C-alpha atoms as a PDB file:
ATOM      1  CA  MET A   1      63.843 175.306-106.460  1.00  0.00           C
ATOM      2  CA  ALA A   2      62.617 175.041-102.830  1.00  0.00           C
ATOM      3  CA  ASP A   3      65.499 174.924-100.719  1.00  0.00           C
ATOM      4  CA  THR A   4      64.364 172.719 -98.631  1.00  0.00           C
ATOM      5  CA  ARG A   5      64.359 170.326-101.360  1.00  0.00           C
ATOM      6  CA  LEU A   6      68.000 170.836-101.932  1.00  0.00           C
ATOM      7  CA  ARG A   7      68.650 170.376 -98.643  1.00  0.00           C
ATOM      8  CA  SER A   8      67.359 167.312 -98.462  1.00  0.00           C
ATOM      9  CA  LEU A   9      69.069 166.300-101.817  1.00  0.00           C
ATOM     10  CA  PHE A  10      72.568 167.603-100.517  1.00  0.00           C
ATOM     11  CA  SER A  11      74.834 167.706 -97.817  1.00  0.00           C
ATOM     12  CA  GLU A  12      76.211 171.152 -96.267  1.00  0.00           C
ATOM     13  CA  ALA A  13      79.545 170.571 -97.832  1.00  0.00           C
ATOM     14  CA  GLU A  14      77.614 169.385-101.072  1.00  0.00           C
ATOM     15  CA  LEU A  15      76.287 173.007-100.950  1.00  0.00           C
ATOM     16  CA  ALA A  16      78.670 174.463-100.198  1.00  0.00           C
ATOM     17  CA  GLN A  17      80.782 173.158-103.420  1.00  0.00           C
ATOM     18  CA  LEU A  18      78.001 173.569-105.420  1.00  0.00           C
ATOM     19  CA  ALA A  19      77.917 177.668-104.548  1.00  0.00           C
ATOM     20  CA  ALA A  20      81.564 177.395-105.606  1.00  0.00           C
ATOM     21  CA  HIS A  21      81.591 176.641-109.195  1.00  0.00           C
ATOM     22  CA  ARG A  22      79.460 179.922-110.440  1.00  0.00           C
ATOM     23  CA  VAL A  23      79.942 180.945-113.736  1.00  0.00           C
ATOM     24  CA  PRO A  24      78.557 183.997-115.193  1.00  0.00           C
ATOM     25  CA  PHE A  25      75.293 185.280-115.445  1.00  0.00           C
ATOM     26  CA  ALA A  26      74.903 188.293-116.422  1.00  0.00           C
ATOM     27  CA  VAL A  27      77.262 191.647-116.868  1.00  0.00           C
ATOM     28  CA  GLY A  28      78.694 191.400-112.217  1.00  0.00           C
ATOM     29  CA  ASP A  29      76.425 188.509-111.866  1.00  0.00           C
ATOM     30  CA  GLU A  30      77.578 185.097-111.095  1.00  0.00           C
ATOM     31  CA  ARG A  31      75.010 181.648-110.298  1.00  0.00           C
ATOM     32  CA  ASP A  32      75.538 177.853-109.625  1.00  0.00           C
ATOM     33  CA  ALA A  33      73.694 174.595-111.227  1.00  0.00           C
ATOM     34  CA  ALA A  34      71.564 174.931-108.243  1.00  0.00           C
ATOM     35  CA  GLU A  35      70.460 178.026-109.035  1.00  0.00           C
ATOM     36  CA  LEU A  36      70.729 178.187-112.207  1.00  0.00           C
ATOM     37  CA  ALA A  37      68.162 174.756-112.316  1.00  0.00           C
ATOM     38  CA  GLY A  38      65.447 176.373-110.234  1.00  0.00           C
ATOM     39  CA  ALA A  39      66.156 179.255-112.741  1.00  0.00           C
ATOM     40  CA  TRP A  40      64.851 176.506-115.445  1.00  0.00           C
ATOM     41  CA  ALA A  41      62.445 175.437-113.081  1.00  0.00           C
ATOM     42  CA  ALA A  42      60.295 178.189-112.551  1.00  0.00           C
ATOM     43  CA  GLN A  43      60.722 179.122-116.627  1.00  0.00           C
ATOM     44  CA  VAL A  44      59.330 176.045-117.515  1.00  0.00           C
ATOM     45  CA  ALA A  45      56.533 176.344-115.272  1.00  0.00           C
ATOM     46  CA  ARG A  46      56.377 180.366-116.527  1.00  0.00           C
ATOM     47  CA  ILE A  47      56.250 178.913-120.260  1.00  0.00           C
ATOM     48  CA  ASP A  48      53.536 175.753-119.470  1.00  0.00           C
ATOM     49  CA  ALA A  49      51.065 177.611-117.036  1.00  0.00           C
ATOM     50  CA  ASP A  50      50.971 180.622-120.038  1.00  0.00           C
ATOM     51  CA  ARG A  51      50.070 178.264-122.838  1.00  0.00           C
ATOM     52  CA  ALA A  52      46.928 178.471-121.046  1.00  0.00           C
ATOM     53  CA  LEU A  53      45.933 182.395-121.743  1.00  0.00           C
ATOM     54  CA  PRO A  54      44.118 183.087-124.597  1.00  0.00           C
ATOM     55  CA  PRO A  55      46.153 184.878-126.882  1.00  0.00           C
ATOM     56  CA  PHE A  56      47.102 188.127-127.243  1.00  0.00           C
ATOM     57  CA  ASP A  57      46.855 188.444-123.169  1.00  0.00           C
ATOM     58  CA  ARG A  58      49.871 190.749-122.695  1.00  0.00           C
ATOM     59  CA  THR A  59      50.756 188.898-119.640  1.00  0.00           C
ATOM     60  CA  ALA A  60      51.658 186.136-122.058  1.00  0.00           C
ATOM     61  CA  TRP A  61      55.836 185.591-122.433  1.00  0.00           C
ATOM     62  CA  ASN A  62      55.885 185.749-125.793  1.00  0.00           C
ATOM     63  CA  ALA A  63      59.468 184.250-128.445  1.00  0.00           C
ATOM     64  CA  TYR A  64      62.156 186.562-126.821  1.00  0.00           C
ATOM     65  CA  ASP A  65      60.779 185.104-123.603  1.00  0.00           C
ATOM     66  CA  LEU A  66      61.706 181.968-125.033  1.00  0.00           C
ATOM     67  CA  ALA A  67      65.007 182.879-126.458  1.00  0.00           C
ATOM     68  CA  GLY A  68      65.984 183.966-122.843  1.00  0.00           C
ATOM     69  CA  ALA A  69      64.974 180.902-120.735  1.00  0.00           C
ATOM     70  CA  LEU A  70      67.189 178.696-123.751  1.00  0.00           C
ATOM     71  CA  PHE A  71      70.163 180.979-123.069  1.00  0.00           C
ATOM     72  CA  LEU A  72      69.661 180.317-119.330  1.00  0.00           C
ATOM     73  CA  ARG A  73      69.133 177.009-119.858  1.00  0.00           C
ATOM     74  CA  ASP A  74      72.296 177.305-121.617  1.00  0.00           C
ATOM     75  CA  HIS A  75      74.136 178.756-118.958  1.00  0.00           C
ATOM     76  CA  LEU A  76      72.294 175.788-116.894  1.00  0.00           C
ATOM     77  CA  ALA A  77      74.611 173.310-119.117  1.00  0.00           C
ATOM     78  CA  THR A  78      78.038 175.430-118.850  1.00  0.00           C
ATOM     79  CA  ALA A  79      77.824 175.712-115.111  1.00  0.00           C
ATOM     80  CA  LEU A  80      76.517 171.412-114.449  1.00  0.00           C
ATOM     81  CA  ALA A  81      80.076 170.886-116.751  1.00  0.00           C
ATOM     82  CA  LYS A  82      81.898 172.843-114.168  1.00  0.00           C
ATOM     83  CA  LEU A  83      80.808 170.127-111.473  1.00  0.00           C
ATOM     84  CA  PRO A  84      82.142 167.357-109.821  1.00  0.00           C
ATOM     85  CA  SER A  85      80.773 164.318-111.880  1.00  0.00           C
ATOM     86  CA  ASP A  86      78.873 162.644-108.591  1.00  0.00           C
ATOM     87  CA  LEU A  87      77.511 166.067-107.899  1.00  0.00           C
ATOM     88  CA  ARG A  88      76.631 167.068-111.681  1.00  0.00           C
ATOM     89  CA  GLU A  89      74.663 163.626-111.811  1.00  0.00           C
ATOM     90  CA  ARG A  90      73.124 163.873-108.806  1.00  0.00           C
ATOM     91  CA  LEU A  91      71.813 167.178-109.370  1.00  0.00           C
ATOM     92  CA  GLU A  92      70.851 166.567-112.982  1.00  0.00           C
ATOM     93  CA  GLN A  93      69.128 163.258-111.870  1.00  0.00           C
ATOM     94  CA  ALA A  94      66.966 165.193-109.048  1.00  0.00           C
ATOM     95  CA  ILE A  95      66.175 168.360-110.833  1.00  0.00           C
ATOM     96  CA  VAL A  96      67.073 168.723-114.020  1.00  0.00           C
ATOM     97  CA  GLN A  97      65.879 165.554-116.239  1.00  0.00           C
ATOM     98  CA  GLU A  98      62.697 165.994-114.607  1.00  0.00           C
ATOM     99  CA  VAL A  99      62.299 169.827-115.721  1.00  0.00           C
ATOM    100  CA  ASP A 100      63.422 168.581-119.434  1.00  0.00           C
ATOM    101  CA  ASP A 101      61.570 166.168-119.198  1.00  0.00           C
ATOM    102  CA  HIS A 102      58.881 168.618-117.966  1.00  0.00           C
ATOM    103  CA  TYR A 103      59.842 171.109-120.939  1.00  0.00           C
ATOM    104  CA  ARG A 104      59.680 168.135-124.130  1.00  0.00           C
ATOM    105  CA  SER A 105      56.063 167.142-122.703  1.00  0.00           C
ATOM    106  CA  PHE A 106      55.038 170.482-123.914  1.00  0.00           C
ATOM    107  CA  THR A 107      57.322 171.109-126.605  1.00  0.00           C
ATOM    108  CA  VAL A 108      57.298 169.630-131.269  1.00  0.00           C
ATOM    109  CA  VAL A 109      60.783 169.427-132.452  1.00  0.00           C
ATOM    110  CA  ASP A 110      61.757 172.459-134.728  1.00  0.00           C
ATOM    111  CA  ASP A 111      64.240 173.084-136.746  1.00  0.00           C
ATOM    112  CA  GLY A 112      65.583 175.985-134.766  1.00  0.00           C
ATOM    113  CA  ARG A 113      65.825 178.803-138.108  1.00  0.00           C
ATOM    114  CA  ARG A 114      62.329 180.891-136.253  1.00  0.00           C
ATOM    115  CA  MET A 115      64.945 180.782-132.986  1.00  0.00           C
ATOM    116  CA  GLU A 116      67.637 181.096-134.420  1.00  0.00           C
ATOM    117  CA  GLN A 117      66.099 184.613-135.377  1.00  0.00           C
ATOM    118  CA  ILE A 118      64.484 185.822-132.779  1.00  0.00           C
ATOM    119  CA  ALA A 119      67.800 185.098-130.322  1.00  0.00           C
ATOM    120  CA  GLN A 120      70.076 186.688-133.524  1.00  0.00           C
ATOM    121  CA  LEU A 121      72.549 183.908-132.767  1.00  0.00           C
ATOM    122  CA  GLU A 122      73.307 180.194-134.673  1.00  0.00           C
ATOM    123  CA  LEU A 123      72.178 177.499-133.547  1.00  0.00           C
ATOM    124  CA  VAL A 124      75.136 175.107-134.481  1.00  0.00           C
ATOM    125  CA  GLY A 125      76.557 173.021-131.399  1.00  0.00           C
ATOM    126  CA  ARG A 126      73.348 174.173-129.727  1.00  0.00           C
ATOM    127  CA  GLY A 127      71.752 172.142-127.295  1.00  0.00           C
ATOM    128  CA  TRP A 128      68.156 169.925-128.074  1.00  0.00           C
ATOM    129  CA  TRP A 129      66.694 172.605-126.237  1.00  0.00           C
ATOM    130  CA  TRP A 130      66.764 175.566-128.769  1.00  0.00           C
ATOM    131  CA  PHE A 131      65.393 172.787-131.023  1.00  0.00           C
ATOM    132  CA  ARG A 132      62.110 172.675-129.590  1.00  0.00           C
ATOM    133  CA  VAL A 133      59.188 175.286-129.031  1.00  0.00           C
ATOM    134  CA  PRO A 134      55.532 174.956-127.484  1.00  0.00           C
ATOM    135  CA  ALA A 135      53.087 173.235-129.393  1.00  0.00           C
ATOM    136  CA  ASN A 136      50.348 176.393-129.087  1.00  0.00           C
ATOM    137  CA  GLY A 137      49.917 178.771-126.770  1.00  0.00           C
ATOM    138  CA  PRO A 138      50.828 182.766-127.111  1.00  0.00           C
ATOM    139  CA  ILE A 139      54.790 181.927-127.786  1.00  0.00           C
ATOM    140  CA  ALA A 140      53.246 179.346-130.461  1.00  0.00           C
ATOM    141  CA  ASP A 141      51.236 182.069-131.770  1.00  0.00           C
ATOM    142  CA  ASP A 142      53.756 184.435-131.907  1.00  0.00           C
ATOM    143  CA  LEU A 143      56.748 182.586-133.515  1.00  0.00           C
ATOM    144  CA  LEU A 144      53.835 182.043-135.986  1.00  0.00           C
ATOM    145  CA  ARG A 145      53.879 185.893-136.460  1.00  0.00           C
ATOM    146  CA  HIS A 146      57.487 186.167-137.164  1.00  0.00           C
ATOM    147  CA  GLU A 147      56.932 183.482-139.197  1.00  0.00           C
ATOM    148  CA  ILE A 148      55.017 185.364-141.472  1.00  0.00           C
ATOM    149  CA  CYS A 149      56.538 188.620-141.423  1.00  0.00           C
ATOM    150  CA  ALA A 150      59.702 186.956-142.497  1.00  0.00           C
ATOM    151  CA  PHE A 151      58.226 185.372-145.714  1.00  0.00           C
ATOM    152  CA  TRP A 152      56.291 188.266-146.233  1.00  0.00           C
ATOM    153  CA  HIS A 153      59.646 190.468-146.015  1.00  0.00           C
ATOM    154  CA  LEU A 154      61.251 187.852-148.108  1.00  0.00           C
ATOM    155  CA  SER A 155      58.383 187.905-150.343  1.00  0.00           C
ATOM    156  CA  ILE A 156      58.473 192.178-150.986  1.00  0.00           C
ATOM    157  CA  ARG A 157      62.740 191.278-151.197  1.00  0.00           C
ATOM    158  CA  GLN A 158      61.887 188.503-153.936  1.00  0.00           C
ATOM    159  CA  ALA A 159      59.665 190.679-155.983  1.00  0.00           C
ATOM    160  CA  ARG A 160      61.234 194.228-155.969  1.00  0.00           C
END
């Protein structure tokens, strides 16, 4: 997310307040809601752009990359929840809702079983984003391959 866009939306004091509400992101790393919103925007843009790539393009993101993006969105939700309500609402309205709407625009509702397997976690209580997957493109193809493999493995187990 461009620093200039944030600076146009928030005063220096508000930017400092955003920066003061950091959440653990990775081992030894913390991020604030603005940084996470920017990262979510970049990942959604990448997932959308990759849909135009041909199947088996080695540069395209796959289902595991999607899971990483969805984990990042979880961190963003956590960071937003820690903000004072006025800052949270402004950040959500100015940036997060637009990115979420963009994500919704090229994804379809999914029951979550495939992402549950990929991410190796239960999706009960998880955000809506875990229940949407790209409608087409390399990630959609990769999810279909995972589903076929899971079905094949189940069929073999049942045949034994």
